[in-house]
Protein backbone atom coordinates (compact mmCIF):
# COMPACT_ATOMS: atom_id res chain seq x y z
CA MET A 1 -38.01 -130.41 -109.24
CA SER A 2 -41.42 -128.81 -109.00
CA ILE A 3 -42.04 -125.14 -108.40
CA LEU A 4 -43.57 -125.82 -104.98
CA SER A 5 -40.52 -127.74 -103.79
CA SER A 6 -38.28 -124.95 -105.08
CA ILE A 7 -40.31 -122.37 -103.18
CA GLY A 8 -40.21 -124.54 -100.06
CA ARG A 9 -36.42 -124.90 -100.33
CA LEU A 10 -36.00 -121.14 -100.76
CA ALA A 11 -38.26 -120.45 -97.78
CA THR A 12 -36.24 -122.89 -95.64
CA GLU A 13 -32.94 -121.28 -96.68
CA PHE A 14 -34.32 -117.80 -95.99
CA SER A 15 -35.54 -118.87 -92.56
CA ALA A 16 -32.15 -120.38 -91.68
CA ALA A 17 -30.30 -117.27 -92.89
CA ARG A 18 -32.59 -115.03 -90.86
CA ALA A 19 -32.06 -117.14 -87.74
CA ARG A 20 -28.26 -116.97 -88.24
CA TYR A 21 -28.42 -113.20 -88.67
CA GLN A 22 -30.53 -112.73 -85.53
CA THR A 23 -28.21 -114.97 -83.52
CA GLU A 24 -25.13 -113.10 -84.70
CA ARG A 25 -26.77 -109.78 -83.93
CA ALA A 26 -27.67 -110.91 -80.41
CA ILE A 27 -24.16 -112.21 -79.73
CA ARG A 28 -22.54 -109.04 -81.08
CA SER A 29 -24.66 -106.98 -78.67
CA LEU A 30 -23.00 -108.73 -75.71
CA PRO A 31 -19.92 -107.22 -74.07
CA ILE A 32 -16.57 -108.31 -75.56
CA GLU A 33 -15.70 -110.22 -72.38
CA LEU A 34 -18.80 -112.39 -72.70
CA GLN A 35 -18.17 -112.94 -76.40
CA LYS A 36 -14.71 -114.22 -75.54
CA ASP A 37 -16.12 -116.48 -72.79
CA ILE A 38 -18.49 -118.19 -75.19
CA GLY A 39 -15.80 -118.48 -77.84
CA TRP A 40 -17.16 -116.06 -80.37
CA PRO A 41 -14.51 -116.27 -83.11
CA GLU A 42 -14.43 -112.61 -84.03
CA ALA A 43 -14.19 -111.21 -80.49
CA ALA A 44 -10.42 -110.83 -80.75
CA ASP A 45 -10.65 -109.39 -84.28
CA THR A 46 -12.80 -106.41 -83.27
CA ARG A 47 -9.74 -104.60 -81.95
CA THR A 48 -7.92 -104.93 -85.26
CA GLY A 49 -10.97 -104.01 -87.32
CA ALA A 50 -11.05 -107.32 -89.21
CA ARG A 51 -14.44 -108.83 -90.00
CA ASN A 52 -15.28 -111.80 -92.17
CA GLY A 53 -18.91 -110.92 -92.71
CA VAL A 54 -22.30 -112.19 -91.68
CA GLY A 55 -22.53 -115.94 -91.46
CA SER A 56 -18.83 -116.59 -91.68
CA TRP A 57 -18.85 -118.31 -88.29
CA ALA A 58 -21.60 -120.72 -89.27
CA GLY A 59 -20.07 -122.13 -92.40
CA ALA A 60 -22.04 -120.01 -94.82
CA LYS A 61 -22.25 -121.16 -98.41
């Protein structure tokens, strides 16, 4: 694997992680009722204080 392909792979992974983070941030800014309507998996857990972490809903590595 060349250095350029490694850099390209890292840039792609960074871009995907950033997009996941921005999506999660936007969804978390919605009211709880809307989060439940769209099926956000952690909407019910916010009352108990449980949180799996960023990217847990998207099958993070």
